[in-house]
PDB file of N, CA and C in Angstrom:
ATOM      1  N   MET A   1       0.824  -1.200   0.000  1.00  0.00           N
ATOM      2  CA  MET A   1       0.000   0.000   0.000  1.00  0.00           C
ATOM      3  C   MET A   1       0.863   1.257   0.000  1.00  0.00           C
ATOM      4  N   LYS A   2       1.880   1.267   0.855  1.00  0.00           N
ATOM      5  CA  LYS A   2       2.768   2.424   0.962  1.00  0.00           C
ATOM      6  C   LYS A   2       3.535   2.645  -0.341  1.00  0.00           C
ATOM      7  N   ASN A   3       4.024   1.555  -0.934  1.00  0.00           N
ATOM      8  CA  ASN A   3       4.775   1.676  -2.185  1.00  0.00           C
ATOM      9  C   ASN A   3       3.908   2.204  -3.323  1.00  0.00           C
ATOM     10  N   GLU A   4       2.666   1.758  -3.371  1.00  0.00           N
ATOM     11  CA  GLU A   4       1.771   2.231  -4.428  1.00  0.00           C
ATOM     12  C   GLU A   4       1.502   3.720  -4.288  1.00  0.00           C
ATOM     13  N   LEU A   5       1.336   4.187  -3.055  1.00  0.00           N
ATOM     14  CA  LEU A   5       1.086   5.606  -2.806  1.00  0.00           C
ATOM     15  C   LEU A   5       2.311   6.448  -3.174  1.00  0.00           C
ATOM     16  N   LEU A   6       3.495   5.979  -2.799  1.00  0.00           N
ATOM     17  CA  LEU A   6       4.719   6.704  -3.134  1.00  0.00           C
ATOM     18  C   LEU A   6       4.961   6.729  -4.642  1.00  0.00           C
ATOM     19  N   ALA A   7       4.701   5.620  -5.307  1.00  0.00           N
ATOM     20  CA  ALA A   7       4.869   5.577  -6.759  1.00  0.00           C
ATOM     21  C   ALA A   7       3.889   6.532  -7.440  1.00  0.00           C
ATOM     22  N   ALA A   8       2.649   6.536  -6.985  1.00  0.00           N
ATOM     23  CA  ALA A   8       1.652   7.434  -7.568  1.00  0.00           C
ATOM     24  C   ALA A   8       2.038   8.895  -7.350  1.00  0.00           C
ATOM     25  N   LEU A   9       2.549   9.210  -6.179  1.00  0.00           N
ATOM     26  CA  LEU A   9       2.982  10.572  -5.885  1.00  0.00           C
ATOM     27  C   LEU A   9       4.129  10.985  -6.813  1.00  0.00           C
ATOM     28  N   GLY A  10       5.083  10.099  -7.028  1.00  0.00           N
ATOM     29  CA  GLY A  10       6.187  10.382  -7.939  1.00  0.00           C
ATOM     30  C   GLY A  10       5.711  10.610  -9.356  1.00  0.00           C
ATOM     31  N   TRP A  11       4.793   9.759  -9.821  1.00  0.00           N
ATOM     32  CA  TRP A  11       4.265   9.910 -11.175  1.00  0.00           C
ATOM     33  C   TRP A  11       3.492  11.220 -11.325  1.00  0.00           C
ATOM     34  N   ILE A  12       2.708  11.588 -10.323  1.00  0.00           N
ATOM     35  CA  ILE A  12       1.932  12.832 -10.385  1.00  0.00           C
ATOM     36  C   ILE A  12       2.855  14.045 -10.434  1.00  0.00           C
ATOM     37  N   ILE A  13       3.882  14.051  -9.600  1.00  0.00           N
ATOM     38  CA  ILE A  13       4.834  15.161  -9.608  1.00  0.00           C
ATOM     39  C   ILE A  13       5.545  15.247 -10.962  1.00  0.00           C
ATOM     40  N   GLY A  14       5.955  14.109 -11.487  1.00  0.00           N
ATOM     41  CA  GLY A  14       6.629  14.089 -12.786  1.00  0.00           C
ATOM     42  C   GLY A  14       5.736  14.570 -13.909  1.00  0.00           C
ATOM     43  N   ILE A  15       4.489  14.145 -13.894  1.00  0.00           N
ATOM     44  CA  ILE A  15       3.558  14.558 -14.942  1.00  0.00           C
ATOM     45  C   ILE A  15       3.261  16.047 -14.846  1.00  0.00           C
ATOM     46  N   GLN A  16       3.077  16.566 -13.639  1.00  0.00           N
ATOM     47  CA  GLN A  16       2.828  17.998 -13.471  1.00  0.00           C
ATOM     48  C   GLN A  16       4.016  18.823 -13.971  1.00  0.00           C
ATOM     49  N   GLY A  17       5.221  18.352 -13.675  1.00  0.00           N
ATOM     50  CA  GLY A  17       6.409  19.051 -14.162  1.00  0.00           C
ATOM     51  C   GLY A  17       6.503  19.014 -15.678  1.00  0.00           C
ATOM     52  N   ALA A  18       6.227  17.861 -16.258  1.00  0.00           N
ATOM     53  CA  ALA A  18       6.282  17.732 -17.719  1.00  0.00           C
ATOM     54  C   ALA A  18       5.213  18.593 -18.380  1.00  0.00           C
ATOM     55  N   LEU A  19       4.008  18.582 -17.827  1.00  0.00           N
ATOM     56  CA  LEU A  19       2.938  19.399 -18.396  1.00  0.00           C
ATOM     57  C   LEU A  19       3.268  20.887 -18.324  1.00  0.00           C
ATOM     58  N   GLY A  20       3.800  21.329 -17.204  1.00  0.00           N
ATOM     59  CA  GLY A  20       4.162  22.735 -17.080  1.00  0.00           C
ATOM     60  C   GLY A  20       5.241  23.145 -18.064  1.00  0.00           C
ATOM     61  N   PHE A  21       6.262  22.306 -18.193  1.00  0.00           N
ATOM     62  CA  PHE A  21       7.352  22.615 -19.129  1.00  0.00           C
ATOM     63  C   PHE A  21       6.872  22.605 -20.574  1.00  0.00           C
ATOM     64  N   ILE A  22       6.134  21.571 -20.951  1.00  0.00           N
ATOM     65  CA  ILE A  22       5.645  21.472 -22.333  1.00  0.00           C
ATOM     66  C   ILE A  22       4.702  22.622 -22.652  1.00  0.00           C
ATOM     67  N   GLY A  23       3.801  22.918 -21.743  1.00  0.00           N
ATOM     68  CA  GLY A  23       2.861  24.004 -21.983  1.00  0.00           C
ATOM     69  C   GLY A  23       3.545  25.346 -22.112  1.00  0.00           C
ATOM     70  N   ARG A  24       4.530  25.591 -21.267  1.00  0.00           N
ATOM     71  CA  ARG A  24       5.236  26.874 -21.326  1.00  0.00           C
ATOM     72  C   ARG A  24       6.126  26.964 -22.557  1.00  0.00           C
ATOM     73  N   THR A  25       6.717  25.850 -22.975  1.00  0.00           N
ATOM     74  CA  THR A  25       7.663  25.864 -24.085  1.00  0.00           C
ATOM     75  C   THR A  25       6.967  25.896 -25.449  1.00  0.00           C
ATOM     76  N   TRP A  26       5.962  25.051 -25.637  1.00  0.00           N
ATOM     77  CA  TRP A  26       5.343  24.924 -26.950  1.00  0.00           C
ATOM     78  C   TRP A  26       3.898  25.426 -27.026  1.00  0.00           C
ATOM     79  N   SER A  27       3.470  26.151 -26.028  1.00  0.00           N
ATOM     80  CA  SER A  27       2.112  26.671 -26.027  1.00  0.00           C
ATOM     81  C   SER A  27       2.137  28.098 -25.477  1.00  0.00           C
ATOM     82  N   ASP A  28       0.978  28.671 -25.311  1.00  0.00           N
ATOM     83  CA  ASP A  28       0.932  30.051 -24.839  1.00  0.00           C
ATOM     84  C   ASP A  28       0.825  30.165 -23.315  1.00  0.00           C
ATOM     85  N   GLY A  29       0.834  29.054 -22.591  1.00  0.00           N
ATOM     86  CA  GLY A  29       0.763  29.126 -21.134  1.00  0.00           C
ATOM     87  C   GLY A  29       1.061  27.789 -20.487  1.00  0.00           C
ATOM     88  N   ASP A  30       1.160  27.808 -19.171  1.00  0.00           N
ATOM     89  CA  ASP A  30       1.439  26.590 -18.413  1.00  0.00           C
ATOM     90  C   ASP A  30       0.249  25.639 -18.467  1.00  0.00           C
ATOM     91  N   TRP A  31       0.541  24.353 -18.420  1.00  0.00           N
ATOM     92  CA  TRP A  31      -0.490  23.329 -18.301  1.00  0.00           C
ATOM     93  C   TRP A  31      -0.358  22.717 -16.923  1.00  0.00           C
ATOM     94  N   GLY A  32      -1.337  21.957 -16.510  1.00  0.00           N
ATOM     95  CA  GLY A  32      -1.294  21.323 -15.208  1.00  0.00           C
ATOM     96  C   GLY A  32      -1.981  22.183 -14.158  1.00  0.00           C
ATOM     97  N   LEU A  33      -1.712  21.871 -12.896  1.00  0.00           N
ATOM     98  CA  LEU A  33      -2.396  22.552 -11.801  1.00  0.00           C
ATOM     99  C   LEU A  33      -1.559  23.591 -11.073  1.00  0.00           C
ATOM    100  N   LEU A  34      -0.252  23.473 -11.114  1.00  0.00           N
ATOM    101  CA  LEU A  34       0.591  24.357 -10.304  1.00  0.00           C
ATOM    102  C   LEU A  34       0.404  25.832 -10.624  1.00  0.00           C
ATOM    103  N   HIS A  35       0.226  26.163 -11.881  1.00  0.00           N
ATOM    104  CA  HIS A  35       0.113  27.569 -12.244  1.00  0.00           C
ATOM    105  C   HIS A  35      -1.152  28.219 -11.684  1.00  0.00           C
ATOM    106  N   LEU A  36      -2.071  27.415 -11.182  1.00  0.00           N
ATOM    107  CA  LEU A  36      -3.267  27.978 -10.558  1.00  0.00           C
ATOM    108  C   LEU A  36      -2.958  28.581  -9.189  1.00  0.00           C
ATOM    109  N   TRP A  37      -1.913  28.090  -8.523  1.00  0.00           N
ATOM    110  CA  TRP A  37      -1.572  28.559  -7.184  1.00  0.00           C
ATOM    111  C   TRP A  37      -0.390  29.528  -7.187  1.00  0.00           C
ATOM    112  N   PHE A  38       0.600  29.296  -8.020  1.00  0.00           N
ATOM    113  CA  PHE A  38       1.753  30.187  -8.135  1.00  0.00           C
ATOM    114  C   PHE A  38       2.413  29.979  -9.487  1.00  0.00           C
ATOM    115  N   THR A  39       3.340  30.842  -9.836  1.00  0.00           N
ATOM    116  CA  THR A  39       4.008  30.762 -11.132  1.00  0.00           C
ATOM    117  C   THR A  39       5.438  30.268 -10.951  1.00  0.00           C
ATOM    118  N   PRO A  40       5.648  28.958 -11.069  1.00  0.00           N
ATOM    119  CA  PRO A  40       7.000  28.429 -10.912  1.00  0.00           C
ATOM    120  C   PRO A  40       7.862  28.729 -12.136  1.00  0.00           C
ATOM    121  N   PRO A  41       9.164  28.856 -11.934  1.00  0.00           N
ATOM    122  CA  PRO A  41      10.056  29.051 -13.082  1.00  0.00           C
ATOM    123  C   PRO A  41      10.157  27.765 -13.917  1.00  0.00           C
ATOM    124  N   THR A  42      10.586  27.913 -15.140  1.00  0.00           N
ATOM    125  CA  THR A  42      10.691  26.774 -16.045  1.00  0.00           C
ATOM    126  C   THR A  42      11.655  25.718 -15.504  1.00  0.00           C
ATOM    127  N   ALA A  43      12.720  26.158 -14.857  1.00  0.00           N
ATOM    128  CA  ALA A  43      13.690  25.209 -14.298  1.00  0.00           C
ATOM    129  C   ALA A  43      13.042  24.309 -13.246  1.00  0.00           C
ATOM    130  N   LEU A  44      12.118  24.853 -12.466  1.00  0.00           N
ATOM    131  CA  LEU A  44      11.430  24.031 -11.466  1.00  0.00           C
ATOM    132  C   LEU A  44      10.572  22.966 -12.136  1.00  0.00           C
ATOM    133  N   TYR A  45       9.934  23.313 -13.235  1.00  0.00           N
ATOM    134  CA  TYR A  45       9.158  22.314 -13.972  1.00  0.00           C
ATOM    135  C   TYR A  45      10.047  21.175 -14.448  1.00  0.00           C
ATOM    136  N   ILE A  46      11.232  21.512 -14.941  1.00  0.00           N
ATOM    137  CA  ILE A  46      12.157  20.477 -15.420  1.00  0.00           C
ATOM    138  C   ILE A  46      12.613  19.591 -14.264  1.00  0.00           C
ATOM    139  N   VAL A  47      12.971  20.196 -13.147  1.00  0.00           N
ATOM    140  CA  VAL A  47      13.400  19.432 -11.966  1.00  0.00           C
ATOM    141  C   VAL A  47      12.275  18.541 -11.477  1.00  0.00           C
ATOM    142  N   MET A  48      11.064  19.059 -11.446  1.00  0.00           N
ATOM    143  CA  MET A  48       9.918  18.250 -11.012  1.00  0.00           C
ATOM    144  C   MET A  48       9.693  17.062 -11.935  1.00  0.00           C
ATOM    145  N   ALA A  49       9.794  17.294 -13.232  1.00  0.00           N
ATOM    146  CA  ALA A  49       9.577  16.205 -14.187  1.00  0.00           C
ATOM    147  C   ALA A  49      10.615  15.103 -14.005  1.00  0.00           C
ATOM    148  N   VAL A  50      11.869  15.484 -13.927  1.00  0.00           N
ATOM    149  CA  VAL A  50      12.941  14.491 -13.806  1.00  0.00           C
ATOM    150  C   VAL A  50      12.885  13.780 -12.454  1.00  0.00           C
ATOM    151  N   ALA A  51      12.761  14.546 -11.379  1.00  0.00           N
ATOM    152  CA  ALA A  51      12.749  13.951 -10.041  1.00  0.00           C
ATOM    153  C   ALA A  51      11.508  13.092  -9.815  1.00  0.00           C
ATOM    154  N   GLY A  52      10.363  13.579 -10.228  1.00  0.00           N
ATOM    155  CA  GLY A  52       9.133  12.818 -10.034  1.00  0.00           C
ATOM    156  C   GLY A  52       9.119  11.519 -10.811  1.00  0.00           C
ATOM    157  N   LEU A  53       9.521  11.571 -12.062  1.00  0.00           N
ATOM    158  CA  LEU A  53       9.547  10.354 -12.864  1.00  0.00           C
ATOM    159  C   LEU A  53      10.613   9.376 -12.361  1.00  0.00           C
ATOM    160  N   ALA A  54      11.771   9.890 -11.950  1.00  0.00           N
ATOM    161  CA  ALA A  54      12.813   9.016 -11.393  1.00  0.00           C
ATOM    162  C   ALA A  54      12.331   8.364 -10.095  1.00  0.00           C
ATOM    163  N   PHE A  55      11.644   9.136  -9.267  1.00  0.00           N
ATOM    164  CA  PHE A  55      11.122   8.593  -8.007  1.00  0.00           C
ATOM    165  C   PHE A  55      10.056   7.533  -8.274  1.00  0.00           C
ATOM    166  N   GLY A  56       9.158   7.813  -9.199  1.00  0.00           N
ATOM    167  CA  GLY A  56       8.128   6.836  -9.533  1.00  0.00           C
ATOM    168  C   GLY A  56       8.707   5.543 -10.085  1.00  0.00           C
ATOM    169  N   ILE A  57       9.685   5.657 -10.950  1.00  0.00           N
ATOM    170  CA  ILE A  57      10.327   4.470 -11.521  1.00  0.00           C
ATOM    171  C   ILE A  57      11.081   3.700 -10.442  1.00  0.00           C
ATOM    172  N   ALA A  58      11.810   4.411  -9.579  1.00  0.00           N
ATOM    173  CA  ALA A  58      12.579   3.744  -8.524  1.00  0.00           C
ATOM    174  C   ALA A  58      11.671   2.977  -7.567  1.00  0.00           C
ATOM    175  N   VAL A  59      10.556   3.562  -7.194  1.00  0.00           N
ATOM    176  CA  VAL A  59       9.632   2.874  -6.283  1.00  0.00           C
ATOM    177  C   VAL A  59       9.019   1.659  -6.969  1.00  0.00           C
ATOM    178  N   ASP A  60       8.660   1.783  -8.236  1.00  0.00           N
ATOM    179  CA  ASP A  60       8.108   0.641  -8.964  1.00  0.00           C
ATOM    180  C   ASP A  60       9.117  -0.496  -9.081  1.00  0.00           C
ATOM    181  N   VAL A  61      10.364  -0.160  -9.368  1.00  0.00           N
ATOM    182  CA  VAL A  61      11.410  -1.188  -9.474  1.00  0.00           C
ATOM    183  C   VAL A  61      11.629  -1.865  -8.124  1.00  0.00           C
ATOM    184  N   ARG A  62      11.689  -1.077  -7.055  1.00  0.00           N
ATOM    185  CA  ARG A  62      11.876  -1.653  -5.721  1.00  0.00           C
ATOM    186  C   ARG A  62      10.706  -2.555  -5.331  1.00  0.00           C
ATOM    187  N   ARG A  63       9.503  -2.139  -5.678  1.00  0.00           N
ATOM    188  CA  ARG A  63       8.317  -2.945  -5.354  1.00  0.00           C
ATOM    189  C   ARG A  63       8.369  -4.279  -6.089  1.00  0.00           C
ATOM    190  N   LYS A  64       8.789  -4.268  -7.361  1.00  0.00           N
ATOM    191  CA  LYS A  64       8.884  -5.503  -8.123  1.00  0.00           C
ATOM    192  C   LYS A  64       9.976  -6.414  -7.569  1.00  0.00           C
ATOM    193  N   GLN A  65      11.095  -5.824  -7.119  1.00  0.00           N
ATOM    194  CA  GLN A  65      12.173  -6.619  -6.527  1.00  0.00           C
ATOM    195  C   GLN A  65      11.709  -7.267  -5.227  1.00  0.00           C
ATOM    196  N   GLU A  66      10.989  -6.516  -4.405  1.00  0.00           N
ATOM    197  CA  GLU A  66      10.479  -7.073  -3.148  1.00  0.00           C
ATOM    198  C   GLU A  66       9.474  -8.180  -3.414  1.00  0.00           C
ATOM    199  N   LYS A  67       8.635  -8.005  -4.423  1.00  0.00           N
ATOM    200  CA  LYS A  67       7.651  -9.009  -4.780  1.00  0.00           C
ATOM    201  C   LYS A  67       8.338 -10.278  -5.271  1.00  0.00           C
ATOM    202  N   ARG A  68       9.392 -10.100  -6.081  1.00  0.00           N
ATOM    203  CA  ARG A  68      10.146 -11.247  -6.598  1.00  0.00           C
ATOM    204  C   ARG A  68      10.863 -11.975  -5.465  1.00  0.00           C
ATOM    205  N   ALA A  69      11.440 -11.219  -4.511  1.00  0.00           N
ATOM    206  CA  ALA A  69      12.151 -11.830  -3.383  1.00  0.00           C
ATOM    207  C   ALA A  69      11.182 -12.564  -2.459  1.00  0.00           C
ATOM    208  N   ALA A  70       9.977 -12.060  -2.300  1.00  0.00           N
ATOM    209  CA  ALA A  70       9.004 -12.709  -1.445  1.00  0.00           C
ATOM    210  C   ALA A  70       8.480 -14.006  -2.066  1.00  0.00           C
ATOM    211  N   GLY A  71       8.522 -14.102  -3.371  1.00  0.00           N
ATOM    212  CA  GLY A  71       8.042 -15.288  -4.072  1.00  0.00           C
ATOM    213  C   GLY A  71       9.012 -16.438  -4.051  1.00  0.00           C
ATOM    214  N   ARG A  72      10.247 -16.198  -3.658  1.00  0.00           N
ATOM    215  CA  ARG A  72      11.266 -17.261  -3.662  1.00  0.00           C
ATOM    216  C   ARG A  72      11.176 -18.123  -2.454  1.00  0.00           C
TER     217      ARG A  72
END
């Protein structure tokens, strides 16, 4: 349960960062939800995308390793 929540949180952060960066770069405004509360710089969107996606992938990989180890 905890791993699924952490993975989902990582994916959400990564997607929000990617949406903000893509919207600001190739559109006329930010996409996602963050721009509704404050205006983050483009660098923060990039950091969020990379960190969130890396965190989501790392948690998913760890969960699969634990599942595989428990099956042995």
